Each structure stands twice: as C-alpha cells, then as structure tokens.
Amino acid sequence: DLGCNFFVQAEVEDPSRIFVAVGF
C-alpha cells in the first residue's frame, strides 16, 4: 500500500529478514 489504498505489486528476494517498528 503506497497510501490512499493505492497498491503496487512487489517481490521480496529474501524474506528471511524483516524490518520491525520498535517505537518512536
């Protein structure tokens, strides 16, 4: 979701690592 319900297709090469929101 790029915002305002506008979606694009994406491909993740390596889903073994992700970014997690930890706060602030």
PDB file of all heavy atoms in Angstrom:
ATOM      1  N   ASP A   1       0.852  -1.188   0.000  1.00  0.00           N
ATOM      2  CA  ASP A   1       0.000   0.000   0.000  1.00  0.00           C
ATOM      3  C   ASP A   1       0.886   1.235   0.000  1.00  0.00           C
ATOM      4  O   ASP A   1       1.639   1.477   0.939  1.00  0.00           O
ATOM      5  CB  ASP A   1      -0.909  -0.010   1.230  1.00  0.00           C
ATOM      6  CG  ASP A   1      -1.938   1.104   1.214  1.00  0.00           C
ATOM      7  OD1 ASP A   1      -1.975   1.871   0.233  1.00  0.00           O
ATOM      8  OD2 ASP A   1      -2.702   1.203   2.191  1.00  0.00           O
ATOM      9  N   LEU A   2       0.798   2.042  -1.054  1.00  0.00           N
ATOM     10  CA  LEU A   2       1.582   3.268  -1.148  1.00  0.00           C
ATOM     11  C   LEU A   2       0.861   4.444  -0.488  1.00  0.00           C
ATOM     12  O   LEU A   2       1.417   5.519  -0.366  1.00  0.00           O
ATOM     13  CB  LEU A   2       1.879   3.607  -2.607  1.00  0.00           C
ATOM     14  CG  LEU A   2       2.736   2.594  -3.373  1.00  0.00           C
ATOM     15  CD1 LEU A   2       2.913   3.030  -4.809  1.00  0.00           C
ATOM     16  CD2 LEU A   2       4.071   2.404  -2.694  1.00  0.00           C
ATOM     17  N   GLY A   3      -0.348   4.222  -0.073  1.00  0.00           N
ATOM     18  CA  GLY A   3      -1.158   5.266   0.539  1.00  0.00           C
ATOM     19  C   GLY A   3      -2.440   5.467  -0.249  1.00  0.00           C
ATOM     20  O   GLY A   3      -2.488   5.225  -1.465  1.00  0.00           O
ATOM     21  N   CYS A   4      -3.469   5.881   0.446  1.00  0.00           N
ATOM     22  CA  CYS A   4      -4.782   6.124  -0.181  1.00  0.00           C
ATOM     23  C   CYS A   4      -5.290   4.892  -0.919  1.00  0.00           C
ATOM     24  O   CYS A   4      -5.902   4.994  -1.995  1.00  0.00           O
ATOM     25  CB  CYS A   4      -4.733   7.320  -1.117  1.00  0.00           C
ATOM     26  SG  CYS A   4      -4.331   8.865  -0.303  1.00  0.00           S
ATOM     27  N   ASN A   5      -5.003   3.712  -0.383  1.00  0.00           N
ATOM     28  CA  ASN A   5      -5.415   2.438  -0.978  1.00  0.00           C
ATOM     29  C   ASN A   5      -4.908   2.268  -2.413  1.00  0.00           C
ATOM     30  O   ASN A   5      -5.578   1.691  -3.259  1.00  0.00           O
ATOM     31  CB  ASN A   5      -6.929   2.262  -0.919  1.00  0.00           C
ATOM     32  CG  ASN A   5      -7.398   1.967   0.479  1.00  0.00           C
ATOM     33  OD1 ASN A   5      -6.688   1.334   1.250  1.00  0.00           O
ATOM     34  ND2 ASN A   5      -8.579   2.428   0.813  1.00  0.00           N
ATOM     35  N   PHE A   6      -3.731   2.772  -2.698  1.00  0.00           N
ATOM     36  CA  PHE A   6      -3.082   2.587  -3.984  1.00  0.00           C
ATOM     37  C   PHE A   6      -2.008   1.531  -3.791  1.00  0.00           C
ATOM     38  O   PHE A   6      -1.023   1.758  -3.099  1.00  0.00           O
ATOM     39  CB  PHE A   6      -2.477   3.907  -4.481  1.00  0.00           C
ATOM     40  CG  PHE A   6      -1.866   3.809  -5.839  1.00  0.00           C
ATOM     41  CD1 PHE A   6      -2.660   3.702  -6.962  1.00  0.00           C
ATOM     42  CD2 PHE A   6      -0.487   3.799  -5.985  1.00  0.00           C
ATOM     43  CE1 PHE A   6      -2.093   3.601  -8.219  1.00  0.00           C
ATOM     44  CE2 PHE A   6       0.088   3.698  -7.228  1.00  0.00           C
ATOM     45  CZ  PHE A   6      -0.722   3.600  -8.352  1.00  0.00           C
ATOM     46  N   PHE A   7      -2.215   0.351  -4.398  1.00  0.00           N
ATOM     47  CA  PHE A   7      -1.334  -0.792  -4.192  1.00  0.00           C
ATOM     48  C   PHE A   7      -0.476  -1.046  -5.425  1.00  0.00           C
ATOM     49  O   PHE A   7      -0.915  -0.829  -6.558  1.00  0.00           O
ATOM     50  CB  PHE A   7      -2.147  -2.056  -3.889  1.00  0.00           C
ATOM     51  CG  PHE A   7      -2.800  -2.039  -2.540  1.00  0.00           C
ATOM     52  CD1 PHE A   7      -4.061  -1.479  -2.367  1.00  0.00           C
ATOM     53  CD2 PHE A   7      -2.163  -2.574  -1.436  1.00  0.00           C
ATOM     54  CE1 PHE A   7      -4.668  -1.455  -1.130  1.00  0.00           C
ATOM     55  CE2 PHE A   7      -2.761  -2.559  -0.184  1.00  0.00           C
ATOM     56  CZ  PHE A   7      -4.006  -1.996  -0.040  1.00  0.00           C
ATOM     57  N   VAL A   8       0.737  -1.507  -5.177  1.00  0.00           N
ATOM     58  CA  VAL A   8       1.616  -1.970  -6.251  1.00  0.00           C
ATOM     59  C   VAL A   8       2.111  -3.359  -5.884  1.00  0.00           C
ATOM     60  O   VAL A   8       2.187  -3.711  -4.710  1.00  0.00           O
ATOM     61  CB  VAL A   8       2.825  -1.022  -6.464  1.00  0.00           C
ATOM     62  CG1 VAL A   8       2.384   0.337  -6.961  1.00  0.00           C
ATOM     63  CG2 VAL A   8       3.658  -0.893  -5.208  1.00  0.00           C
ATOM     64  N   GLN A   9       2.419  -4.148  -6.898  1.00  0.00           N
ATOM     65  CA  GLN A   9       2.954  -5.481  -6.645  1.00  0.00           C
ATOM     66  C   GLN A   9       4.444  -5.369  -6.361  1.00  0.00           C
ATOM     67  O   GLN A   9       5.153  -4.589  -6.985  1.00  0.00           O
ATOM     68  CB  GLN A   9       2.714  -6.381  -7.847  1.00  0.00           C
ATOM     69  CG  GLN A   9       1.250  -6.714  -8.047  1.00  0.00           C
ATOM     70  CD  GLN A   9       1.037  -7.674  -9.197  1.00  0.00           C
ATOM     71  OE1 GLN A   9       1.955  -7.975  -9.958  1.00  0.00           O
ATOM     72  NE2 GLN A   9      -0.185  -8.155  -9.317  1.00  0.00           N
ATOM     73  N   ALA A  10       4.889  -6.163  -5.398  1.00  0.00           N
ATOM     74  CA  ALA A  10       6.301  -6.160  -5.032  1.00  0.00           C
ATOM     75  C   ALA A  10       6.773  -7.593  -4.876  1.00  0.00           C
ATOM     76  O   ALA A  10       5.993  -8.494  -4.574  1.00  0.00           O
ATOM     77  CB  ALA A  10       6.511  -5.392  -3.733  1.00  0.00           C
ATOM     78  N   GLU A  11       8.053  -7.786  -5.096  1.00  0.00           N
ATOM     79  CA  GLU A  11       8.653  -9.100  -4.922  1.00  0.00           C
ATOM     80  C   GLU A  11       9.836  -8.954  -3.964  1.00  0.00           C
ATOM     81  O   GLU A  11      10.714  -8.122  -4.159  1.00  0.00           O
ATOM     82  CB  GLU A  11       9.135  -9.658  -6.260  1.00  0.00           C
ATOM     83  CG  GLU A  11       9.614 -11.080  -6.162  1.00  0.00           C
ATOM     84  CD  GLU A  11       9.906 -11.670  -7.528  1.00  0.00           C
ATOM     85  OE1 GLU A  11       9.037 -11.573  -8.400  1.00  0.00           O
ATOM     86  OE2 GLU A  11      11.007 -12.210  -7.672  1.00  0.00           O
ATOM     87  N   VAL A  12       9.820  -9.762  -2.914  1.00  0.00           N
ATOM     88  CA  VAL A  12      10.885  -9.741  -1.920  1.00  0.00           C
ATOM     89  C   VAL A  12      11.807 -10.918  -2.220  1.00  0.00           C
ATOM     90  O   VAL A  12      11.370 -12.068  -2.213  1.00  0.00           O
ATOM     91  CB  VAL A  12      10.310  -9.844  -0.490  1.00  0.00           C
ATOM     92  CG1 VAL A  12      11.428  -9.835   0.537  1.00  0.00           C
ATOM     93  CG2 VAL A  12       9.313  -8.727  -0.231  1.00  0.00           C
ATOM     94  N   GLU A  13      13.066 -10.600  -2.488  1.00  0.00           N
ATOM     95  CA  GLU A  13      14.032 -11.633  -2.846  1.00  0.00           C
ATOM     96  C   GLU A  13      14.355 -12.547  -1.662  1.00  0.00           C
ATOM     97  O   GLU A  13      14.452 -13.763  -1.803  1.00  0.00           O
ATOM     98  CB  GLU A  13      15.331 -10.990  -3.361  1.00  0.00           C
ATOM     99  CG  GLU A  13      15.171 -10.217  -4.651  1.00  0.00           C
ATOM    100  CD  GLU A  13      14.905 -11.120  -5.834  1.00  0.00           C
ATOM    101  OE1 GLU A  13      15.409 -12.259  -5.862  1.00  0.00           O
ATOM    102  OE2 GLU A  13      14.184 -10.671  -6.738  1.00  0.00           O
ATOM    103  N   ASP A  14      14.559 -11.953  -0.484  1.00  0.00           N
ATOM    104  CA  ASP A  14      14.962 -12.720   0.695  1.00  0.00           C
ATOM    105  C   ASP A  14      14.057 -12.343   1.875  1.00  0.00           C
ATOM    106  O   ASP A  14      14.343 -11.387   2.595  1.00  0.00           O
ATOM    107  CB  ASP A  14      16.428 -12.431   1.041  1.00  0.00           C
ATOM    108  CG  ASP A  14      16.898 -13.232   2.248  1.00  0.00           C
ATOM    109  OD1 ASP A  14      16.235 -14.243   2.595  1.00  0.00           O
ATOM    110  OD2 ASP A  14      17.922 -12.848   2.842  1.00  0.00           O
ATOM    111  N   PRO A  15      12.971 -13.100   2.106  1.00  0.00           N
ATOM    112  CA  PRO A  15      12.059 -12.756   3.200  1.00  0.00           C
ATOM    113  C   PRO A  15      12.514 -13.280   4.571  1.00  0.00           C
ATOM    114  O   PRO A  15      11.739 -13.294   5.514  1.00  0.00           O
ATOM    115  CB  PRO A  15      10.749 -13.422   2.768  1.00  0.00           C
ATOM    116  CG  PRO A  15      11.168 -14.592   1.962  1.00  0.00           C
ATOM    117  CD  PRO A  15      12.441 -14.168   1.266  1.00  0.00           C
ATOM    118  N   SER A  16      13.795 -13.684   4.672  1.00  0.00           N
ATOM    119  CA  SER A  16      14.261 -14.223   5.953  1.00  0.00           C
ATOM    120  C   SER A  16      14.578 -13.119   6.965  1.00  0.00           C
ATOM    121  O   SER A  16      14.727 -13.388   8.149  1.00  0.00           O
ATOM    122  CB  SER A  16      15.494 -15.104   5.745  1.00  0.00           C
ATOM    123  OG  SER A  16      16.571 -14.311   5.280  1.00  0.00           O
ATOM    124  N   ARG A  17      14.688 -11.875   6.511  1.00  0.00           N
ATOM    125  CA  ARG A  17      14.931 -10.738   7.398  1.00  0.00           C
ATOM    126  C   ARG A  17      13.883  -9.662   7.098  1.00  0.00           C
ATOM    127  O   ARG A  17      13.582  -9.394   5.946  1.00  0.00           O
ATOM    128  CB  ARG A  17      16.337 -10.186   7.222  1.00  0.00           C
ATOM    129  CG  ARG A  17      17.390 -11.250   7.577  1.00  0.00           C
ATOM    130  CD  ARG A  17      18.785 -10.700   7.727  1.00  0.00           C
ATOM    131  NE  ARG A  17      19.013  -9.792   8.841  1.00  0.00           N
ATOM    132  CZ  ARG A  17      19.137 -10.167  10.119  1.00  0.00           C
ATOM    133  NH1 ARG A  17      19.003 -11.427  10.448  1.00  0.00           N
ATOM    134  NH2 ARG A  17      19.396  -9.283  11.058  1.00  0.00           N
ATOM    135  N   ILE A  18      13.356  -9.068   8.171  1.00  0.00           N
ATOM    136  CA  ILE A  18      12.335  -8.037   8.015  1.00  0.00           C
ATOM    137  C   ILE A  18      12.679  -6.844   8.909  1.00  0.00           C
ATOM    138  O   ILE A  18      13.483  -6.960   9.833  1.00  0.00           O
ATOM    139  CB  ILE A  18      10.928  -8.559   8.374  1.00  0.00           C
ATOM    140  CG1 ILE A  18      10.890  -9.041   9.828  1.00  0.00           C
ATOM    141  CG2 ILE A  18      10.493  -9.659   7.421  1.00  0.00           C
ATOM    142  CD1 ILE A  18       9.502  -9.391  10.319  1.00  0.00           C
ATOM    143  N   PHE A  19      12.044  -5.719   8.614  1.00  0.00           N
ATOM    144  CA  PHE A  19      12.172  -4.534   9.460  1.00  0.00           C
ATOM    145  C   PHE A  19      10.930  -4.450  10.337  1.00  0.00           C
ATOM    146  O   PHE A  19       9.807  -4.522   9.850  1.00  0.00           O
ATOM    147  CB  PHE A  19      12.307  -3.269   8.607  1.00  0.00           C
ATOM    148  CG  PHE A  19      13.660  -3.122   7.985  1.00  0.00           C
ATOM    149  CD1 PHE A  19      13.914  -3.629   6.724  1.00  0.00           C
ATOM    150  CD2 PHE A  19      14.686  -2.477   8.667  1.00  0.00           C
ATOM    151  CE1 PHE A  19      15.161  -3.498   6.151  1.00  0.00           C
ATOM    152  CE2 PHE A  19      15.936  -2.347   8.098  1.00  0.00           C
ATOM    153  CZ  PHE A  19      16.182  -2.854   6.835  1.00  0.00           C
ATOM    154  N   VAL A  20      11.156  -4.276  11.641  1.00  0.00           N
ATOM    155  CA  VAL A  20      10.067  -4.225  12.603  1.00  0.00           C
ATOM    156  C   VAL A  20      10.074  -2.855  13.283  1.00  0.00           C
ATOM    157  O   VAL A  20      11.126  -2.377  13.713  1.00  0.00           O
ATOM    158  CB  VAL A  20      10.218  -5.340  13.670  1.00  0.00           C
ATOM    159  CG1 VAL A  20       9.101  -5.274  14.690  1.00  0.00           C
ATOM    160  CG2 VAL A  20      10.259  -6.707  13.008  1.00  0.00           C
ATOM    161  N   ALA A  21       8.892  -2.237  13.369  1.00  0.00           N
ATOM    162  CA  ALA A  21       8.769  -0.961  14.076  1.00  0.00           C
ATOM    163  C   ALA A  21       8.900  -1.230  15.571  1.00  0.00           C
ATOM    164  O   ALA A  21       8.125  -1.992  16.141  1.00  0.00           O
ATOM    165  CB  ALA A  21       7.422  -0.321  13.763  1.00  0.00           C
ATOM    166  N   VAL A  22       9.899  -0.612  16.195  1.00  0.00           N
ATOM    167  CA  VAL A  22      10.136  -0.843  17.620  1.00  0.00           C
ATOM    168  C   VAL A  22       9.667   0.329  18.478  1.00  0.00           C
ATOM    169  O   VAL A  22       9.734   0.276  19.696  1.00  0.00           O
ATOM    170  CB  VAL A  22      11.625  -1.139  17.910  1.00  0.00           C
ATOM    171  CG1 VAL A  22      12.040  -2.460  17.270  1.00  0.00           C
ATOM    172  CG2 VAL A  22      12.519  -0.011  17.455  1.00  0.00           C
ATOM    173  N   GLY A  23       9.192   1.372  17.855  1.00  0.00           N
ATOM    174  CA  GLY A  23       8.675   2.518  18.593  1.00  0.00           C
ATOM    175  C   GLY A  23       9.418   3.794  18.263  1.00  0.00           C
ATOM    176  O   GLY A  23      10.559   3.764  17.785  1.00  0.00           O
ATOM    177  N   PHE A  24       8.759   4.915  18.493  1.00  0.00           N
ATOM    178  CA  PHE A  24       9.323   6.247  18.258  1.00  0.00           C
ATOM    179  C   PHE A  24       9.812   6.430  16.831  1.00  0.00           C
ATOM    180  O   PHE A  24      10.763   7.169  16.583  1.00  0.00           O
ATOM    181  CB  PHE A  24      10.443   6.547  19.254  1.00  0.00           C
ATOM    182  CG  PHE A  24       9.996   6.552  20.682  1.00  0.00           C
ATOM    183  CD1 PHE A  24      10.337   5.509  21.523  1.00  0.00           C
ATOM    184  CD2 PHE A  24       9.213   7.576  21.174  1.00  0.00           C
ATOM    185  CE1 PHE A  24       9.914   5.496  22.846  1.00  0.00           C
ATOM    186  CE2 PHE A  24       8.783   7.574  22.491  1.00  0.00           C
ATOM    187  CZ  PHE A  24       9.136   6.535  23.324  1.00  0.00           C
TER     188      PHE A  24
END
